[in-house]
């Protein structure tokens, strides 16, 4: 297992998590981009803070209705290509991307192991993946009970496949070919920065 990185001693990790705003390399893959709302906020934040975005960006989503929102949102944004794709069967080249993000979506993948393997395949050796994953509710009642009810509703609506236990999703990330650089649990979310092995 990769050693746990202390957030206070790793500025990169601290900045890359939360809104994943700094994990944007020269060739970047934005997984399950949805309508593009979060990624749009990240790009706006970078622009406001004077960061030049000189990257080739590919965003994908499985749902045509969600992707249509991203297409509208980014229609005048240069350097972004949007495609409909299944995360477990990406039509993208091996070892191409420097960075990849999956924000608020791994727990929506029906085949999370296949999706993580594909994300690893398309990253360069040493490429960085930033993800956050919904965990099963923890803590005390009544908050745990409320979280459980919300999750059950989301599963019935088809917007949540399953939450995870931390050890389970951690082992899936490692088994897909990643080394974990940084990890933290914040509330019911597991935040991870991982690098593809083989650098």
C-alpha atoms as a PDB file:
ATOM      1  CA  UNK A   1       0.000   0.000   0.000  1.00  0.00           C
ATOM      2  CA  UNK A   2       1.146   3.529  -0.745  1.00  0.00           C
ATOM      3  CA  UNK A   3       1.968   5.582   2.343  1.00  0.00           C
ATOM      4  CA  UNK A   4      -0.676   8.017   3.525  1.00  0.00           C
ATOM      5  CA  UNK A   5       0.349  11.573   2.688  1.00  0.00           C
ATOM      6  CA  UNK A   6      -0.177  14.211   5.346  1.00  0.00           C
ATOM      7  CA  UNK A   7      -2.319  16.936   3.753  1.00  0.00           C
ATOM      8  CA  UNK A   8      -0.506  19.653   5.726  1.00  0.00           C
ATOM      9  CA  UNK A   9       2.807  18.633   4.148  1.00  0.00           C
ATOM     10  CA  UNK A  10       1.586  18.234   0.600  1.00  0.00           C
ATOM     11  CA  UNK A  11       0.358  21.458  -0.982  1.00  0.00           C
ATOM     12  CA  UNK A  12      -0.337  19.729  -4.293  1.00  0.00           C
ATOM     13  CA  UNK A  13      -2.617  17.189  -2.679  1.00  0.00           C
ATOM     14  CA  UNK A  14      -4.360  19.815  -0.596  1.00  0.00           C
ATOM     15  CA  UNK A  15      -5.053  21.943  -3.655  1.00  0.00           C
ATOM     16  CA  UNK A  16      -6.002  19.081  -5.970  1.00  0.00           C
ATOM     17  CA  UNK A  17      -8.786  17.835  -3.709  1.00  0.00           C
ATOM     18  CA  UNK A  18     -12.016  19.563  -2.800  1.00  0.00           C
ATOM     19  CA  UNK A  19     -12.892  20.999  -6.194  1.00  0.00           C
ATOM     20  CA  UNK A  20     -10.018  19.142  -7.937  1.00  0.00           C
ATOM     21  CA  UNK A  21      -9.054  22.474  -9.448  1.00  0.00           C
ATOM     22  CA  UNK A  22      -5.327  21.898  -9.922  1.00  0.00           C
ATOM     23  CA  UNK A  23      -5.337  18.430 -11.458  1.00  0.00           C
ATOM     24  CA  UNK A  24      -5.259  19.690 -15.045  1.00  0.00           C
ATOM     25  CA  UNK A  25      -2.251  18.596 -17.100  1.00  0.00           C
ATOM     26  CA  UNK A  26      -1.374  19.321 -20.756  1.00  0.00           C
ATOM     27  CA  UNK A  27      -3.599  16.410 -21.864  1.00  0.00           C
ATOM     28  CA  UNK A  28      -6.539  16.090 -19.510  1.00  0.00           C
ATOM     29  CA  UNK A  29      -9.503  13.706 -19.281  1.00  0.00           C
ATOM     30  CA  UNK A  30     -12.613  14.833 -17.401  1.00  0.00           C
ATOM     31  CA  UNK A  31     -14.584  11.695 -16.602  1.00  0.00           C
ATOM     32  CA  UNK A  32     -18.356  11.737 -16.267  1.00  0.00           C
ATOM     33  CA  UNK A  33     -18.409  15.460 -17.003  1.00  0.00           C
ATOM     34  CA  UNK A  34     -22.202  15.578 -16.770  1.00  0.00           C
ATOM     35  CA  UNK A  35     -23.607  18.970 -17.745  1.00  0.00           C
ATOM     36  CA  UNK A  36     -20.192  20.532 -17.152  1.00  0.00           C
ATOM     37  CA  UNK A  37     -21.253  22.670 -14.195  1.00  0.00           C
ATOM     38  CA  UNK A  38     -18.397  21.700 -11.838  1.00  0.00           C
ATOM     39  CA  UNK A  39     -15.758  21.681 -14.579  1.00  0.00           C
ATOM     40  CA  UNK A  40     -17.026  25.068 -15.773  1.00  0.00           C
ATOM     41  CA  UNK A  41     -16.519  26.430 -12.245  1.00  0.00           C
ATOM     42  CA  UNK A  42     -12.982  25.025 -12.192  1.00  0.00           C
ATOM     43  CA  UNK A  43     -12.144  26.679 -15.535  1.00  0.00           C
ATOM     44  CA  UNK A  44     -13.680  29.982 -14.397  1.00  0.00           C
ATOM     45  CA  UNK A  45     -11.693  29.857 -11.151  1.00  0.00           C
ATOM     46  CA  UNK A  46      -8.480  29.261 -13.094  1.00  0.00           C
ATOM     47  CA  UNK A  47      -9.234  32.210 -15.373  1.00  0.00           C
ATOM     48  CA  UNK A  48     -10.108  34.545 -12.475  1.00  0.00           C
ATOM     49  CA  UNK A  49      -6.903  33.637 -10.633  1.00  0.00           C
ATOM     50  CA  UNK A  50      -4.762  34.259 -13.709  1.00  0.00           C
ATOM     51  CA  UNK A  51      -3.924  30.649 -14.579  1.00  0.00           C
ATOM     52  CA  UNK A  52      -3.563  30.119 -18.295  1.00  0.00           C
ATOM     53  CA  UNK A  53      -5.335  27.014 -19.523  1.00  0.00           C
ATOM     54  CA  UNK A  54      -3.186  25.598 -22.263  1.00  0.00           C
ATOM     55  CA  UNK A  55      -4.464  22.047 -22.284  1.00  0.00           C
ATOM     56  CA  UNK A  56      -6.064  19.557 -24.603  1.00  0.00           C
ATOM     57  CA  UNK A  57      -9.191  18.514 -22.710  1.00  0.00           C
ATOM     58  CA  UNK A  58     -11.467  15.588 -23.437  1.00  0.00           C
ATOM     59  CA  UNK A  59     -14.659  15.293 -21.416  1.00  0.00           C
ATOM     60  CA  UNK A  60     -17.004  12.333 -21.590  1.00  0.00           C
ATOM     61  CA  UNK A  61     -20.312  11.234 -20.184  1.00  0.00           C
ATOM     62  CA  UNK A  62     -22.491   8.180 -20.743  1.00  0.00           C
ATOM     63  CA  UNK A  63     -25.821  10.019 -20.657  1.00  0.00           C
ATOM     64  CA  UNK A  64     -26.676  11.961 -23.842  1.00  0.00           C
ATOM     65  CA  UNK A  65     -28.919  14.366 -21.914  1.00  0.00           C
ATOM     66  CA  UNK A  66     -26.116  15.286 -19.499  1.00  0.00           C
ATOM     67  CA  UNK A  67     -23.563  15.570 -22.303  1.00  0.00           C
ATOM     68  CA  UNK A  68     -25.927  17.901 -24.191  1.00  0.00           C
ATOM     69  CA  UNK A  69     -25.656  20.326 -21.269  1.00  0.00           C
ATOM     70  CA  UNK A  70     -21.850  20.229 -21.419  1.00  0.00           C
ATOM     71  CA  UNK A  71     -21.933  20.752 -25.199  1.00  0.00           C
ATOM     72  CA  UNK A  72     -24.046  23.891 -24.711  1.00  0.00           C
ATOM     73  CA  UNK A  73     -21.861  25.119 -21.851  1.00  0.00           C
ATOM     74  CA  UNK A  74     -18.528  24.689 -23.662  1.00  0.00           C
ATOM     75  CA  UNK A  75     -19.553  25.397 -27.269  1.00  0.00           C
ATOM     76  CA  UNK A  76     -17.348  28.513 -27.420  1.00  0.00           C
ATOM     77  CA  UNK A  77     -14.552  27.218 -25.181  1.00  0.00           C
ATOM     78  CA  UNK A  78     -11.481  26.289 -27.240  1.00  0.00           C
ATOM     79  CA  UNK A  79      -9.536  23.107 -26.544  1.00  0.00           C
ATOM     80  CA  UNK A  80     -12.407  21.018 -25.162  1.00  0.00           C
ATOM     81  CA  UNK A  81     -13.662  17.950 -27.019  1.00  0.00           C
ATOM     82  CA  UNK A  82     -16.763  16.228 -25.654  1.00  0.00           C
ATOM     83  CA  UNK A  83     -17.710  12.635 -26.398  1.00  0.00           C
ATOM     84  CA  UNK A  84     -20.358  10.161 -25.345  1.00  0.00           C
ATOM     85  CA  UNK A  85     -18.612   7.159 -23.829  1.00  0.00           C
ATOM     86  CA  UNK A  86     -18.934   4.304 -21.378  1.00  0.00           C
ATOM     87  CA  UNK A  87     -16.187   4.661 -18.770  1.00  0.00           C
ATOM     88  CA  UNK A  88     -15.611   0.897 -18.877  1.00  0.00           C
ATOM     89  CA  UNK A  89     -15.015   0.942 -22.674  1.00  0.00           C
ATOM     90  CA  UNK A  90     -13.330   4.212 -23.638  1.00  0.00           C
ATOM     91  CA  UNK A  91     -12.459   4.677 -27.314  1.00  0.00           C
ATOM     92  CA  UNK A  92      -9.306   6.608 -26.394  1.00  0.00           C
ATOM     93  CA  UNK A  93      -5.623   5.742 -26.903  1.00  0.00           C
ATOM     94  CA  UNK A  94      -3.435   3.987 -24.346  1.00  0.00           C
ATOM     95  CA  UNK A  95      -1.142   6.160 -22.221  1.00  0.00           C
ATOM     96  CA  UNK A  96      -2.317   9.452 -23.717  1.00  0.00           C
ATOM     97  CA  UNK A  97      -3.453  11.669 -20.830  1.00  0.00           C
ATOM     98  CA  UNK A  98      -1.369  13.375 -18.147  1.00  0.00           C
ATOM     99  CA  UNK A  99      -4.268  13.870 -15.729  1.00  0.00           C
ATOM    100  CA  UNK A 100      -7.827  12.675 -15.195  1.00  0.00           C
ATOM    101  CA  UNK A 101     -10.601  13.677 -12.817  1.00  0.00           C
ATOM    102  CA  UNK A 102     -13.749  11.865 -11.814  1.00  0.00           C
ATOM    103  CA  UNK A 103     -15.681  14.257  -9.587  1.00  0.00           C
ATOM    104  CA  UNK A 104     -18.830  13.071  -7.831  1.00  0.00           C
ATOM    105  CA  UNK A 105     -19.338  10.109 -10.170  1.00  0.00           C
ATOM    106  CA  UNK A 106     -17.440   6.886  -9.357  1.00  0.00           C
ATOM    107  CA  UNK A 107     -20.344   5.785  -7.153  1.00  0.00           C
ATOM    108  CA  UNK A 108     -22.572   6.109 -10.243  1.00  0.00           C
ATOM    109  CA  UNK A 109     -20.560   3.631 -12.363  1.00  0.00           C
ATOM    110  CA  UNK A 110     -22.228   0.217 -12.796  1.00  0.00           C
ATOM    111  CA  UNK A 111     -18.773  -1.316 -13.506  1.00  0.00           C
ATOM    112  CA  UNK A 112     -16.447   0.616 -11.221  1.00  0.00           C
ATOM    113  CA  UNK A 113     -13.564  -1.873 -11.599  1.00  0.00           C
ATOM    114  CA  UNK A 114     -13.780  -1.673 -15.407  1.00  0.00           C
ATOM    115  CA  UNK A 115     -14.037   2.113 -15.260  1.00  0.00           C
ATOM    116  CA  UNK A 116     -10.971   2.447 -13.052  1.00  0.00           C
ATOM    117  CA  UNK A 117      -8.995   0.074 -15.306  1.00  0.00           C
ATOM    118  CA  UNK A 118      -9.920   2.172 -18.356  1.00  0.00           C
ATOM    119  CA  UNK A 119      -8.975   5.424 -16.609  1.00  0.00           C
ATOM    120  CA  UNK A 120      -5.625   3.823 -15.765  1.00  0.00           C
ATOM    121  CA  UNK A 121      -5.134   2.535 -19.316  1.00  0.00           C
ATOM    122  CA  UNK A 122      -5.559   5.947 -20.937  1.00  0.00           C
ATOM    123  CA  UNK A 123      -3.247   7.729 -18.471  1.00  0.00           C
ATOM    124  CA  UNK A 124       0.489   7.933 -19.062  1.00  0.00           C
ATOM    125  CA  UNK A 125       2.698   6.090 -16.556  1.00  0.00           C
ATOM    126  CA  UNK A 126       2.913   8.487 -13.628  1.00  0.00           C
ATOM    127  CA  UNK A 127      -0.295  10.220 -14.743  1.00  0.00           C
ATOM    128  CA  UNK A 128      -2.477  11.506 -11.931  1.00  0.00           C
ATOM    129  CA  UNK A 129      -6.105  10.614 -11.181  1.00  0.00           C
ATOM    130  CA  UNK A 130      -8.161  12.701  -8.721  1.00  0.00           C
ATOM    131  CA  UNK A 131     -11.454  11.224  -7.541  1.00  0.00           C
ATOM    132  CA  UNK A 132     -13.995  11.500  -4.775  1.00  0.00           C
ATOM    133  CA  UNK A 133     -16.284   8.626  -3.869  1.00  0.00           C
ATOM    134  CA  UNK A 134     -19.482   8.506  -1.824  1.00  0.00           C
ATOM    135  CA  UNK A 135     -19.118   6.232   1.201  1.00  0.00           C
ATOM    136  CA  UNK A 136     -21.851   4.474   3.122  1.00  0.00           C
ATOM    137  CA  UNK A 137     -23.189   6.858   5.768  1.00  0.00           C
ATOM    138  CA  UNK A 138     -21.307   6.887   9.026  1.00  0.00           C
ATOM    139  CA  UNK A 139     -21.747   8.764  12.244  1.00  0.00           C
ATOM    140  CA  UNK A 140     -24.573   9.149  14.690  1.00  0.00           C
ATOM    141  CA  UNK A 141     -28.322   9.195  14.321  1.00  0.00           C
ATOM    142  CA  UNK A 142     -30.293  11.078  13.007  1.00  0.00           C
ATOM    143  CA  UNK A 143     -27.727  12.241  10.415  1.00  0.00           C
ATOM    144  CA  UNK A 144     -26.793   8.695   9.415  1.00  0.00           C
ATOM    145  CA  UNK A 145     -30.484   7.836   8.992  1.00  0.00           C
ATOM    146  CA  UNK A 146     -31.046  10.911   6.796  1.00  0.00           C
ATOM    147  CA  UNK A 147     -28.023  10.019   4.611  1.00  0.00           C
ATOM    148  CA  UNK A 148     -29.265   6.460   4.227  1.00  0.00           C
ATOM    149  CA  UNK A 149     -32.704   7.702   3.113  1.00  0.00           C
ATOM    150  CA  UNK A 150     -31.151  10.107   0.586  1.00  0.00           C
ATOM    151  CA  UNK A 151     -28.959   7.320  -0.829  1.00  0.00           C
ATOM    152  CA  UNK A 152     -31.923   4.946  -1.128  1.00  0.00           C
ATOM    153  CA  UNK A 153     -33.886   7.642  -2.991  1.00  0.00           C
ATOM    154  CA  UNK A 154     -30.924   8.320  -5.334  1.00  0.00           C
ATOM    155  CA  UNK A 155     -30.567   4.595  -6.121  1.00  0.00           C
ATOM    156  CA  UNK A 156     -34.301   4.351  -6.929  1.00  0.00           C
ATOM    157  CA  UNK A 157     -33.999   7.424  -9.206  1.00  0.00           C
ATOM    158  CA  UNK A 158     -31.003   5.887 -11.010  1.00  0.00           C
ATOM    159  CA  UNK A 159     -28.562   8.678 -10.112  1.00  0.00           C
ATOM    160  CA  UNK A 160     -26.578   6.542  -7.654  1.00  0.00           C
ATOM    161  CA  UNK A 161     -25.404   3.003  -8.319  1.00  0.00           C
ATOM    162  CA  UNK A 162     -23.983   2.362  -4.853  1.00  0.00           C
ATOM    163  CA  UNK A 163     -21.967   4.004  -2.111  1.00  0.00           C
ATOM    164  CA  UNK A 164     -18.784   2.200  -1.050  1.00  0.00           C
ATOM    165  CA  UNK A 165     -16.849   1.184   2.002  1.00  0.00           C
ATOM    166  CA  UNK A 166     -13.486   2.943   2.135  1.00  0.00           C
ATOM    167  CA  UNK A 167     -11.418  -0.271   2.155  1.00  0.00           C
ATOM    168  CA  UNK A 168     -13.357  -1.655  -0.830  1.00  0.00           C
ATOM    169  CA  UNK A 169     -12.972   1.350  -3.125  1.00  0.00           C
ATOM    170  CA  UNK A 170      -9.357   1.858  -2.010  1.00  0.00           C
ATOM    171  CA  UNK A 171      -8.473  -1.711  -3.015  1.00  0.00           C
ATOM    172  CA  UNK A 172     -10.287  -1.292  -6.350  1.00  0.00           C
ATOM    173  CA  UNK A 173      -8.197   1.806  -7.147  1.00  0.00           C
ATOM    174  CA  UNK A 174      -4.967  -0.045  -6.305  1.00  0.00           C
ATOM    175  CA  UNK A 175      -6.029  -3.179  -8.231  1.00  0.00           C
ATOM    176  CA  UNK A 176      -6.752  -1.040 -11.310  1.00  0.00           C
ATOM    177  CA  UNK A 177      -3.046  -0.108 -11.495  1.00  0.00           C
ATOM    178  CA  UNK A 178      -2.719   2.986  -9.306  1.00  0.00           C
ATOM    179  CA  UNK A 179      -0.583   3.943  -6.323  1.00  0.00           C
ATOM    180  CA  UNK A 180      -2.380   6.172  -3.849  1.00  0.00           C
ATOM    181  CA  UNK A 181      -0.515   9.435  -3.198  1.00  0.00           C
ATOM    182  CA  UNK A 182      -3.064  11.000  -0.903  1.00  0.00           C
ATOM    183  CA  UNK A 183      -6.318   9.974   0.716  1.00  0.00           C
ATOM    184  CA  UNK A 184      -8.746  11.445   3.206  1.00  0.00           C
ATOM    185  CA  UNK A 185     -12.262  10.878   4.434  1.00  0.00           C
ATOM    186  CA  UNK A 186     -14.333  14.041   4.696  1.00  0.00           C
ATOM    187  CA  UNK A 187     -17.849  13.396   5.957  1.00  0.00           C
ATOM    188  CA  UNK A 188     -19.230  10.568   3.793  1.00  0.00           C
ATOM    189  CA  UNK A 189     -16.741  11.191   0.973  1.00  0.00           C
ATOM    190  CA  UNK A 190     -13.426   9.443   0.258  1.00  0.00           C
ATOM    191  CA  UNK A 191     -11.037  11.783  -1.590  1.00  0.00           C
ATOM    192  CA  UNK A 192      -8.095  10.236  -3.436  1.00  0.00           C
ATOM    193  CA  UNK A 193      -5.186  11.326  -5.579  1.00  0.00           C
ATOM    194  CA  UNK A 194      -3.507   8.368  -7.263  1.00  0.00           C
ATOM    195  CA  UNK A 195      -0.803   7.908  -9.878  1.00  0.00           C
ATOM    196  CA  UNK A 196      -0.593   5.247 -12.551  1.00  0.00           C
ATOM    197  CA  UNK A 197       2.158   2.750 -11.776  1.00  0.00           C
ATOM    198  CA  UNK A 198       5.060   2.369 -14.163  1.00  0.00           C
ATOM    199  CA  UNK A 199       6.622   5.860 -14.150  1.00  0.00           C
END
